[in-house]
PDB file of N, CA and C in Angstrom:
ATOM      1  N   ASP A   1      42.440-108.241 110.614  1.00  0.00           N
ATOM      2  CA  ASP A   1      41.431-107.879 111.587  1.00  0.00           C
ATOM      3  C   ASP A   1      41.365-106.373 111.865  1.00  0.00           C
ATOM      4  N   LEU A   2      42.201-105.587 111.189  1.00  0.00           N
ATOM      5  CA  LEU A   2      42.131-104.124 111.317  1.00  0.00           C
ATOM      6  C   LEU A   2      41.637-103.467 110.029  1.00  0.00           C
ATOM      7  N   ALA A   3      41.170-104.271 109.097  1.00  0.00           N
ATOM      8  CA  ALA A   3      40.676-103.738 107.824  1.00  0.00           C
ATOM      9  C   ALA A   3      39.558-102.737 108.076  1.00  0.00           C
ATOM     10  N   GLY A   4      39.626-101.621 107.365  1.00  0.00           N
ATOM     11  CA  GLY A   4      38.621-100.577 107.506  1.00  0.00           C
ATOM     12  C   GLY A   4      38.952 -99.534 108.550  1.00  0.00           C
ATOM     13  N   LEU A   5      39.992 -99.772 109.348  1.00  0.00           N
ATOM     14  CA  LEU A   5      40.398 -98.799 110.363  1.00  0.00           C
ATOM     15  C   LEU A   5      41.547 -97.942 109.845  1.00  0.00           C
ATOM     16  N   THR A   6      41.588 -96.707 110.314  1.00  0.00           N
ATOM     17  CA  THR A   6      42.706 -95.814 110.027  1.00  0.00           C
ATOM     18  C   THR A   6      43.493 -95.642 111.313  1.00  0.00           C
ATOM     19  N   VAL A   7      44.786 -95.928 111.253  1.00  0.00           N
ATOM     20  CA  VAL A   7      45.661 -95.884 112.424  1.00  0.00           C
ATOM     21  C   VAL A   7      46.721 -94.809 112.209  1.00  0.00           C
ATOM     22  N   LEU A   8      46.919 -93.985 113.218  1.00  0.00           N
ATOM     23  CA  LEU A   8      47.961 -92.959 113.216  1.00  0.00           C
ATOM     24  C   LEU A   8      49.000 -93.345 114.260  1.00  0.00           C
ATOM     25  N   VAL A   9      50.267 -93.405 113.855  1.00  0.00           N
ATOM     26  CA  VAL A   9      51.356 -93.765 114.759  1.00  0.00           C
ATOM     27  C   VAL A   9      52.426 -92.685 114.682  1.00  0.00           C
ATOM     28  N   THR A  10      52.948 -92.271 115.850  1.00  0.00           N
ATOM     29  CA  THR A  10      54.101 -91.370 115.863  1.00  0.00           C
ATOM     30  C   THR A  10      55.331 -92.182 116.258  1.00  0.00           C
ATOM     31  N   ALA A  11      56.496 -91.784 115.732  1.00  0.00           N
ATOM     32  CA  ALA A  11      57.716 -92.544 115.999  1.00  0.00           C
ATOM     33  C   ALA A  11      58.940 -91.644 115.907  1.00  0.00           C
ATOM     34  N   GLY A  12      59.988 -92.023 116.641  1.00  0.00           N
ATOM     35  CA  GLY A  12      61.257 -91.305 116.582  1.00  0.00           C
ATOM     36  C   GLY A  12      61.349 -90.187 117.598  1.00  0.00           C
ATOM     37  N   GLY A  13      62.506 -89.568 117.651  1.00  0.00           N
ATOM     38  CA  GLY A  13      62.755 -88.462 118.572  1.00  0.00           C
ATOM     39  C   GLY A  13      62.873 -87.150 117.828  1.00  0.00           C
ATOM     40  N   THR A  14      62.176 -86.146 118.305  1.00  0.00           N
ATOM     41  CA  THR A  14      62.230 -84.846 117.630  1.00  0.00           C
ATOM     42  C   THR A  14      63.539 -84.127 117.949  1.00  0.00           C
ATOM     43  N   ARG A  15      63.887 -83.188 117.085  1.00  0.00           N
ATOM     44  CA  ARG A  15      65.092 -82.369 117.249  1.00  0.00           C
ATOM     45  C   ARG A  15      64.686 -80.903 117.242  1.00  0.00           C
ATOM     46  N   GLU A  16      65.195 -80.158 118.213  1.00  0.00           N
ATOM     47  CA  GLU A  16      64.904 -78.730 118.302  1.00  0.00           C
ATOM     48  C   GLU A  16      66.186 -77.950 118.033  1.00  0.00           C
ATOM     49  N   PRO A  17      66.251 -77.219 116.915  1.00  0.00           N
ATOM     50  CA  PRO A  17      67.487 -76.501 116.570  1.00  0.00           C
ATOM     51  C   PRO A  17      67.789 -75.372 117.557  1.00  0.00           C
ATOM     52  N   ILE A  18      69.081 -75.242 117.899  1.00  0.00           N
ATOM     53  CA  ILE A  18      69.507 -74.124 118.740  1.00  0.00           C
ATOM     54  C   ILE A  18      70.370 -73.144 117.947  1.00  0.00           C
ATOM     55  N   CYS A  19      70.812 -73.557 116.764  1.00  0.00           N
ATOM     56  CA  CYS A  19      71.525 -72.707 115.814  1.00  0.00           C
ATOM     57  C   CYS A  19      71.525 -73.465 114.489  1.00  0.00           C
ATOM     58  N   PRO A  20      72.094 -72.913 113.432  1.00  0.00           N
ATOM     59  CA  PRO A  20      72.071 -73.622 112.146  1.00  0.00           C
ATOM     60  C   PRO A  20      72.772 -74.985 112.153  1.00  0.00           C
ATOM     61  N   VAL A  21      73.641 -75.239 113.139  1.00  0.00           N
ATOM     62  CA  VAL A  21      74.415 -76.474 113.160  1.00  0.00           C
ATOM     63  C   VAL A  21      73.991 -77.427 114.285  1.00  0.00           C
ATOM     64  N   ARG A  22      73.666 -76.897 115.451  1.00  0.00           N
ATOM     65  CA  ARG A  22      73.402 -77.729 116.627  1.00  0.00           C
ATOM     66  C   ARG A  22      71.911 -77.867 116.908  1.00  0.00           C
ATOM     67  N   PHE A  23      71.565 -78.919 117.640  1.00  0.00           N
ATOM     68  CA  PHE A  23      70.174 -79.144 118.026  1.00  0.00           C
ATOM     69  C   PHE A  23      70.131 -79.862 119.368  1.00  0.00           C
ATOM     70  N   ILE A  24      68.976 -79.775 120.017  1.00  0.00           N
ATOM     71  CA  ILE A  24      68.700 -80.563 121.211  1.00  0.00           C
ATOM     72  C   ILE A  24      67.816 -81.718 120.758  1.00  0.00           C
ATOM     73  N   GLY A  25      68.199 -82.923 121.095  1.00  0.00           N
ATOM     74  CA  GLY A  25      67.424 -84.084 120.671  1.00  0.00           C
ATOM     75  C   GLY A  25      67.600 -85.240 121.626  1.00  0.00           C
ATOM     76  N   ASN A  26      67.189 -86.403 121.188  1.00  0.00           N
ATOM     77  CA  ASN A  26      67.357 -87.610 121.986  1.00  0.00           C
ATOM     78  C   ASN A  26      67.712 -88.766 121.060  1.00  0.00           C
ATOM     79  N   ARG A  27      67.959 -89.912 121.619  1.00  0.00           N
ATOM     80  CA  ARG A  27      68.456 -91.051 120.838  1.00  0.00           C
ATOM     81  C   ARG A  27      67.367 -92.009 120.375  1.00  0.00           C
ATOM     82  N   SER A  28      66.132 -91.601 120.416  1.00  0.00           N
ATOM     83  CA  SER A  28      65.056 -92.499 120.006  1.00  0.00           C
ATOM     84  C   SER A  28      65.256 -92.946 118.560  1.00  0.00           C
ATOM     85  N   SER A  29      65.217 -94.243 118.342  1.00  0.00           N
ATOM     86  CA  SER A  29      65.423 -94.800 117.002  1.00  0.00           C
ATOM     87  C   SER A  29      64.142 -94.828 116.179  1.00  0.00           C
ATOM     88  N   GLY A  30      62.998 -94.798 116.851  1.00  0.00           N
ATOM     89  CA  GLY A  30      61.725 -94.911 116.158  1.00  0.00           C
ATOM     90  C   GLY A  30      61.307 -96.345 115.886  1.00  0.00           C
ATOM     91  N   ARG A  31      62.125 -97.313 116.282  1.00  0.00           N
ATOM     92  CA  ARG A  31      61.841 -98.720 115.957  1.00  0.00           C
ATOM     93  C   ARG A  31      60.520 -99.223 116.536  1.00  0.00           C
ATOM     94  N   GLN A  32      60.192 -98.834 117.760  1.00  0.00           N
ATOM     95  CA  GLN A  32      58.942 -99.309 118.355  1.00  0.00           C
ATOM     96  C   GLN A  32      57.738 -98.804 117.564  1.00  0.00           C
ATOM     97  N   GLY A  33      57.711 -97.504 117.279  1.00  0.00           N
ATOM     98  CA  GLY A  33      56.615 -96.939 116.503  1.00  0.00           C
ATOM     99  C   GLY A  33      56.542 -97.519 115.104  1.00  0.00           C
ATOM    100  N   HIS A  34      57.702 -97.723 114.483  1.00  0.00           N
ATOM    101  CA  HIS A  34      57.737 -98.310 113.143  1.00  0.00           C
ATOM    102  C   HIS A  34      57.181 -99.733 113.164  1.00  0.00           C
ATOM    103  N   ALA A  35      57.543-100.509 114.181  1.00  0.00           N
ATOM    104  CA  ALA A  35      57.038-101.883 114.286  1.00  0.00           C
ATOM    105  C   ALA A  35      55.522-101.891 114.455  1.00  0.00           C
ATOM    106  N   LEU A  36      55.004-100.972 115.267  1.00  0.00           N
ATOM    107  CA  LEU A  36      53.554-100.884 115.459  1.00  0.00           C
ATOM    108  C   LEU A  36      52.853-100.489 114.160  1.00  0.00           C
ATOM    109  N   ALA A  37      53.432 -99.542 113.435  1.00  0.00           N
ATOM    110  CA  ALA A  37      52.843 -99.095 112.171  1.00  0.00           C
ATOM    111  C   ALA A  37      52.825-100.229 111.146  1.00  0.00           C
ATOM    112  N   LEU A  38      53.933-100.946 111.027  1.00  0.00           N
ATOM    113  CA  LEU A  38      54.005-102.057 110.075  1.00  0.00           C
ATOM    114  C   LEU A  38      53.032-103.174 110.448  1.00  0.00           C
ATOM    115  N   GLU A  39      52.924-103.475 111.730  1.00  0.00           N
ATOM    116  CA  GLU A  39      51.994-104.524 112.172  1.00  0.00           C
ATOM    117  C   GLU A  39      50.557-104.141 111.842  1.00  0.00           C
ATOM    118  N   ALA A  40      50.197-102.884 112.100  1.00  0.00           N
ATOM    119  CA  ALA A  40      48.835-102.431 111.790  1.00  0.00           C
ATOM    120  C   ALA A  40      48.565-102.514 110.290  1.00  0.00           C
ATOM    121  N   ALA A  41      49.552-102.125 109.477  1.00  0.00           N
ATOM    122  CA  ALA A  41      49.386-102.198 108.019  1.00  0.00           C
ATOM    123  C   ALA A  41      49.246-103.650 107.560  1.00  0.00           C
ATOM    124  N   GLU A  42      50.053-104.537 108.121  1.00  0.00           N
ATOM    125  CA  GLU A  42      49.982-105.955 107.760  1.00  0.00           C
ATOM    126  C   GLU A  42      48.637-106.569 108.145  1.00  0.00           C
ATOM    127  N   ARG A  43      47.998-105.994 109.164  1.00  0.00           N
ATOM    128  CA  ARG A  43      46.701-106.508 109.621  1.00  0.00           C
ATOM    129  C   ARG A  43      45.539-105.821 108.915  1.00  0.00           C
ATOM    130  N   GLY A  44      45.850-105.010 107.888  1.00  0.00           N
ATOM    131  CA  GLY A  44      44.806-104.462 107.029  1.00  0.00           C
ATOM    132  C   GLY A  44      44.410-103.025 107.253  1.00  0.00           C
ATOM    133  N   ALA A  45      45.004-102.355 108.226  1.00  0.00           N
ATOM    134  CA  ALA A  45      44.655-100.960 108.495  1.00  0.00           C
ATOM    135  C   ALA A  45      45.296-100.032 107.465  1.00  0.00           C
ATOM    136  N   THR A  46      44.681 -98.876 107.291  1.00  0.00           N
ATOM    137  CA  THR A  46      45.321 -97.771 106.587  1.00  0.00           C
ATOM    138  C   THR A  46      46.118 -97.040 107.649  1.00  0.00           C
ATOM    139  N   VAL A  47      47.430 -96.909 107.459  1.00  0.00           N
ATOM    140  CA  VAL A  47      48.306 -96.393 108.511  1.00  0.00           C
ATOM    141  C   VAL A  47      49.015 -95.128 108.052  1.00  0.00           C
ATOM    142  N   HIS A  48      49.013 -94.126 108.921  1.00  0.00           N
ATOM    143  CA  HIS A  48      49.803 -92.911 108.741  1.00  0.00           C
ATOM    144  C   HIS A  48      50.853 -92.936 109.846  1.00  0.00           C
ATOM    145  N   CYS A  49      52.125 -92.943 109.478  1.00  0.00           N
ATOM    146  CA  CYS A  49      53.200 -92.933 110.465  1.00  0.00           C
ATOM    147  C   CYS A  49      53.939 -91.605 110.373  1.00  0.00           C
ATOM    148  N   VAL A  50      53.797 -90.786 111.406  1.00  0.00           N
ATOM    149  CA  VAL A  50      54.497 -89.505 111.490  1.00  0.00           C
ATOM    150  C   VAL A  50      55.796 -89.788 112.234  1.00  0.00           C
ATOM    151  N   THR A  51      56.922 -89.665 111.537  1.00  0.00           N
ATOM    152  CA  THR A  51      58.192 -90.106 112.102  1.00  0.00           C
ATOM    153  C   THR A  51      59.331 -89.144 111.799  1.00  0.00           C
ATOM    154  N   THR A  52      60.287 -89.116 112.713  1.00  0.00           N
ATOM    155  CA  THR A  52      61.507 -88.344 112.494  1.00  0.00           C
ATOM    156  C   THR A  52      62.583 -89.203 111.845  1.00  0.00           C
ATOM    157  N   ARG A  53      62.305 -90.484 111.696  1.00  0.00           N
ATOM    158  CA  ARG A  53      63.283 -91.419 111.139  1.00  0.00           C
ATOM    159  C   ARG A  53      62.691 -92.201 109.971  1.00  0.00           C
ATOM    160  N   PRO A  54      62.279 -91.525 108.892  1.00  0.00           N
ATOM    161  CA  PRO A  54      61.636 -92.237 107.783  1.00  0.00           C
ATOM    162  C   PRO A  54      62.551 -93.252 107.101  1.00  0.00           C
ATOM    163  N   ASP A  55      63.856 -93.045 107.195  1.00  0.00           N
ATOM    164  CA  ASP A  55      64.808 -93.968 106.575  1.00  0.00           C
ATOM    165  C   ASP A  55      64.784 -95.345 107.232  1.00  0.00           C
ATOM    166  N   GLY A  56      64.304 -95.428 108.459  1.00  0.00           N
ATOM    167  CA  GLY A  56      64.276 -96.700 109.171  1.00  0.00           C
ATOM    168  C   GLY A  56      62.976 -97.460 109.033  1.00  0.00           C
ATOM    169  N   LEU A  57      62.078 -96.992 108.188  1.00  0.00           N
ATOM    170  CA  LEU A  57      60.758 -97.609 108.061  1.00  0.00           C
ATOM    171  C   LEU A  57      60.601 -98.251 106.689  1.00  0.00           C
ATOM    172  N   ALA A  58      60.360 -99.548 106.680  1.00  0.00           N
ATOM    173  CA  ALA A  58      60.169-100.275 105.420  1.00  0.00           C
ATOM    174  C   ALA A  58      58.845 -99.881 104.778  1.00  0.00           C
ATOM    175  N   GLU A  59      58.797 -99.936 103.458  1.00  0.00           N
ATOM    176  CA  GLU A  59      57.548 -99.661 102.746  1.00  0.00           C
ATOM    177  C   GLU A  59      56.603-100.841 102.911  1.00  0.00           C
ATOM    178  N   ALA A  60      55.313-100.530 102.962  1.00  0.00           N
ATOM    179  CA  ALA A  60      54.296-101.578 103.074  1.00  0.00           C
ATOM    180  C   ALA A  60      53.003-101.062 102.467  1.00  0.00           C
ATOM    181  N   PRO A  61      52.211-101.949 101.874  1.00  0.00           N
ATOM    182  CA  PRO A  61      50.905-101.522 101.358  1.00  0.00           C
ATOM    183  C   PRO A  61      50.051-100.952 102.488  1.00  0.00           C
ATOM    184  N   GLY A  62      49.403 -99.837 102.214  1.00  0.00           N
ATOM    185  CA  GLY A  62      48.541 -99.218 103.215  1.00  0.00           C
ATOM    186  C   GLY A  62      49.256 -98.327 104.202  1.00  0.00           C
ATOM    187  N   LEU A  63      50.568 -98.137 104.032  1.00  0.00           N
ATOM    188  CA  LEU A  63      51.360 -97.336 104.967  1.00  0.00           C
ATOM    189  C   LEU A  63      51.815 -96.046 104.302  1.00  0.00           C
ATOM    190  N   GLU A  64      51.425 -94.918 104.885  1.00  0.00           N
ATOM    191  CA  GLU A  64      51.886 -93.603 104.428  1.00  0.00           C
ATOM    192  C   GLU A  64      52.844 -93.060 105.474  1.00  0.00           C
ATOM    193  N   VAL A  65      54.010 -92.612 105.040  1.00  0.00           N
ATOM    194  CA  VAL A  65      55.023 -92.068 105.939  1.00  0.00           C
ATOM    195  C   VAL A  65      55.033 -90.552 105.814  1.00  0.00           C
ATOM    196  N   VAL A  66      54.972 -89.873 106.959  1.00  0.00           N
ATOM    197  CA  VAL A  66      55.048 -88.419 107.007  1.00  0.00           C
ATOM    198  C   VAL A  66      56.310 -88.075 107.792  1.00  0.00           C
ATOM    199  N   ALA A  67      57.300 -87.496 107.125  1.00  0.00           N
ATOM    200  CA  ALA A  67      58.571 -87.160 107.759  1.00  0.00           C
ATOM    201  C   ALA A  67      58.504 -85.780 108.402  1.00  0.00           C
ATOM    202  N   VAL A  68      58.962 -85.701 109.660  1.00  0.00           N
ATOM    203  CA  VAL A  68      59.024 -84.440 110.394  1.00  0.00           C
ATOM    204  C   VAL A  68      60.354 -84.383 111.133  1.00  0.00           C
ATOM    205  N   GLU A  69      60.672 -83.214 111.680  1.00  0.00           N
ATOM    206  CA  GLU A  69      61.897 -83.092 112.471  1.00  0.00           C
ATOM    207  C   GLU A  69      61.624 -82.535 113.861  1.00  0.00           C
ATOM    208  N   THR A  70      60.858 -81.468 113.958  1.00  0.00           N
ATOM    209  CA  THR A  70      60.646 -80.797 115.241  1.00  0.00           C
ATOM    210  C   THR A  70      59.321 -81.196 115.884  1.00  0.00           C
ATOM    211  N   ALA A  71      59.186 -80.843 117.160  1.00  0.00           N
ATOM    212  CA  ALA A  71      57.932 -81.100 117.876  1.00  0.00           C
ATOM    213  C   ALA A  71      56.779 -80.333 117.235  1.00  0.00           C
ATOM    214  N   ALA A  72      57.032 -79.111 116.787  1.00  0.00           N
ATOM    215  CA  ALA A  72      55.979 -78.313 116.147  1.00  0.00           C
ATOM    216  C   ALA A  72      55.519 -78.961 114.846  1.00  0.00           C
ATOM    217  N   GLU A  73      56.463 -79.472 114.053  1.00  0.00           N
ATOM    218  CA  GLU A  73      56.099 -80.160 112.808  1.00  0.00           C
ATOM    219  C   GLU A  73      55.293 -81.418 113.107  1.00  0.00           C
ATOM    220  N   MET A  74      55.688 -82.144 114.160  1.00  0.00           N
ATOM    221  CA  MET A  74      54.951 -83.352 114.524  1.00  0.00           C
ATOM    222  C   MET A  74      53.544 -82.997 114.987  1.00  0.00           C
ATOM    223  N   ALA A  75      53.416 -81.959 115.798  1.00  0.00           N
ATOM    224  CA  ALA A  75      52.097 -81.539 116.285  1.00  0.00           C
ATOM    225  C   ALA A  75      51.187 -81.146 115.128  1.00  0.00           C
ATOM    226  N   GLU A  76      51.737 -80.440 114.159  1.00  0.00           N
ATOM    227  CA  GLU A  76      50.944 -80.021 112.999  1.00  0.00           C
ATOM    228  C   GLU A  76      50.467 -81.232 112.192  1.00  0.00           C
ATOM    229  N   ALA A  77      51.372 -82.169 111.933  1.00  0.00           N
ATOM    230  CA  ALA A  77      51.011 -83.359 111.159  1.00  0.00           C
ATOM    231  C   ALA A  77      50.001 -84.223 111.909  1.00  0.00           C
ATOM    232  N   VAL A  78      50.225 -84.429 113.198  1.00  0.00           N
ATOM    233  CA  VAL A  78      49.314 -85.247 114.001  1.00  0.00           C
ATOM    234  C   VAL A  78      47.951 -84.578 114.094  1.00  0.00           C
ATOM    235  N   GLY A  79      47.932 -83.266 114.275  1.00  0.00           N
ATOM    236  CA  GLY A  79      46.659 -82.546 114.344  1.00  0.00           C
ATOM    237  C   GLY A  79      45.834 -82.708 113.083  1.00  0.00           C
ATOM    238  N   ALA A  80      46.498 -82.693 111.943  1.00  0.00           N
ATOM    239  CA  ALA A  80      45.789 -82.834 110.670  1.00  0.00           C
ATOM    240  C   ALA A  80      45.298 -84.263 110.448  1.00  0.00           C
ATOM    241  N   LEU A  81      46.079 -85.249 110.879  1.00  0.00           N
ATOM    242  CA  LEU A  81      45.741 -86.648 110.608  1.00  0.00           C
ATOM    243  C   LEU A  81      44.859 -87.293 111.674  1.00  0.00           C
ATOM    244  N   ALA A  82      44.910 -86.790 112.897  1.00  0.00           N
ATOM    245  CA  ALA A  82      44.163 -87.416 113.998  1.00  0.00           C
ATOM    246  C   ALA A  82      42.660 -87.330 113.801  1.00  0.00           C
ATOM    247  N   VAL A  83      42.208 -86.299 113.111  1.00  0.00           N
ATOM    248  CA  VAL A  83      40.772 -86.108 112.892  1.00  0.00           C
ATOM    249  C   VAL A  83      40.148 -87.320 112.212  1.00  0.00           C
ATOM    250  N   GLY A  84      40.849 -87.916 111.264  1.00  0.00           N
ATOM    251  CA  GLY A  84      40.306 -89.048 110.528  1.00  0.00           C
ATOM    252  C   GLY A  84      40.756 -90.407 111.037  1.00  0.00           C
ATOM    253  N   ALA A  85      41.451 -90.444 112.172  1.00  0.00           N
ATOM    254  CA  ALA A  85      41.987 -91.708 112.678  1.00  0.00           C
ATOM    255  C   ALA A  85      41.017 -92.389 113.639  1.00  0.00           C
ATOM    256  N   ASP A  86      40.950 -93.704 113.535  1.00  0.00           N
ATOM    257  CA  ASP A  86      40.179 -94.506 114.485  1.00  0.00           C
ATOM    258  C   ASP A  86      41.024 -94.858 115.704  1.00  0.00           C
ATOM    259  N   VAL A  87      42.336 -95.000 115.482  1.00  0.00           N
ATOM    260  CA  VAL A  87      43.274 -95.370 116.534  1.00  0.00           C
ATOM    261  C   VAL A  87      44.481 -94.450 116.424  1.00  0.00           C
ATOM    262  N   VAL A  88      44.955 -93.931 117.567  1.00  0.00           N
ATOM    263  CA  VAL A  88      46.160 -93.102 117.595  1.00  0.00           C
ATOM    264  C   VAL A  88      47.134 -93.732 118.590  1.00  0.00           C
ATOM    265  N   ILE A  89      48.350 -94.023 118.124  1.00  0.00           N
ATOM    266  CA  ILE A  89      49.400 -94.587 118.975  1.00  0.00           C
ATOM    267  C   ILE A  89      50.547 -93.593 119.007  1.00  0.00           C
ATOM    268  N   MET A  90      50.824 -93.047 120.183  1.00  0.00           N
ATOM    269  CA  MET A  90      51.853 -92.017 120.337  1.00  0.00           C
ATOM    270  C   MET A  90      53.132 -92.656 120.893  1.00  0.00           C
ATOM    271  N   ALA A  91      54.002 -93.134 120.009  1.00  0.00           N
ATOM    272  CA  ALA A  91      55.230 -93.808 120.421  1.00  0.00           C
ATOM    273  C   ALA A  91      56.470 -92.927 120.259  1.00  0.00           C
ATOM    274  N   ALA A  92      56.314 -91.699 119.789  1.00  0.00           N
ATOM    275  CA  ALA A  92      57.462 -90.809 119.567  1.00  0.00           C
ATOM    276  C   ALA A  92      57.991 -90.251 120.885  1.00  0.00           C
ATOM    277  N   ALA A  93      59.275 -89.918 120.880  1.00  0.00           N
ATOM    278  CA  ALA A  93      59.919 -89.242 122.006  1.00  0.00           C
ATOM    279  C   ALA A  93      60.005 -87.761 121.637  1.00  0.00           C
ATOM    280  N   VAL A  94      58.992 -87.014 122.027  1.00  0.00           N
ATOM    281  CA  VAL A  94      58.867 -85.614 121.620  1.00  0.00           C
ATOM    282  C   VAL A  94      59.576 -84.710 122.623  1.00  0.00           C
ATOM    283  N   ALA A  95      60.372 -83.776 122.102  1.00  0.00           N
ATOM    284  CA  ALA A  95      61.089 -82.832 122.960  1.00  0.00           C
ATOM    285  C   ALA A  95      60.108 -82.000 123.770  1.00  0.00           C
ATOM    286  N   ASP A  96      60.455 -81.771 125.023  1.00  0.00           N
ATOM    287  CA  ASP A  96      59.607 -80.939 125.872  1.00  0.00           C
ATOM    288  C   ASP A  96      60.244 -79.577 126.141  1.00  0.00           C
ATOM    289  N   PHE A  97      61.309 -79.274 125.399  1.00  0.00           N
ATOM    290  CA  PHE A  97      61.978 -77.980 125.535  1.00  0.00           C
ATOM    291  C   PHE A  97      62.374 -77.496 124.154  1.00  0.00           C
ATOM    292  N   ARG A  98      62.144 -76.202 123.926  1.00  0.00           N
ATOM    293  CA  ARG A  98      62.573 -75.573 122.678  1.00  0.00           C
ATOM    294  C   ARG A  98      63.261 -74.270 123.045  1.00  0.00           C
ATOM    295  N   PRO A  99      64.498 -74.076 122.582  1.00  0.00           N
ATOM    296  CA  PRO A  99      65.219 -72.836 122.927  1.00  0.00           C
ATOM    297  C   PRO A  99      64.544 -71.607 122.344  1.00  0.00           C
TER     298      PRO A  99
END
């Protein structure tokens, strides 16, 4: 019932580096966003999932995974993909502070 729609989903928690070794982040697993992306793909949508946890997302027909790490990378990817999306689901835990 979602055939013909393009869905954009964000998932996972971003990480903001404070030095080459350490980062500020959160414990978001990305599971909620991944589940939404997979459900949309199973229902026939073309899905773009912008995620910080690509390893936790199963492959599915119609699902494109875009791996990012920082809030800036996520914003750039979402900005590029949102233009062509019919539905946008923002399930990621995006950092609100960058050193």
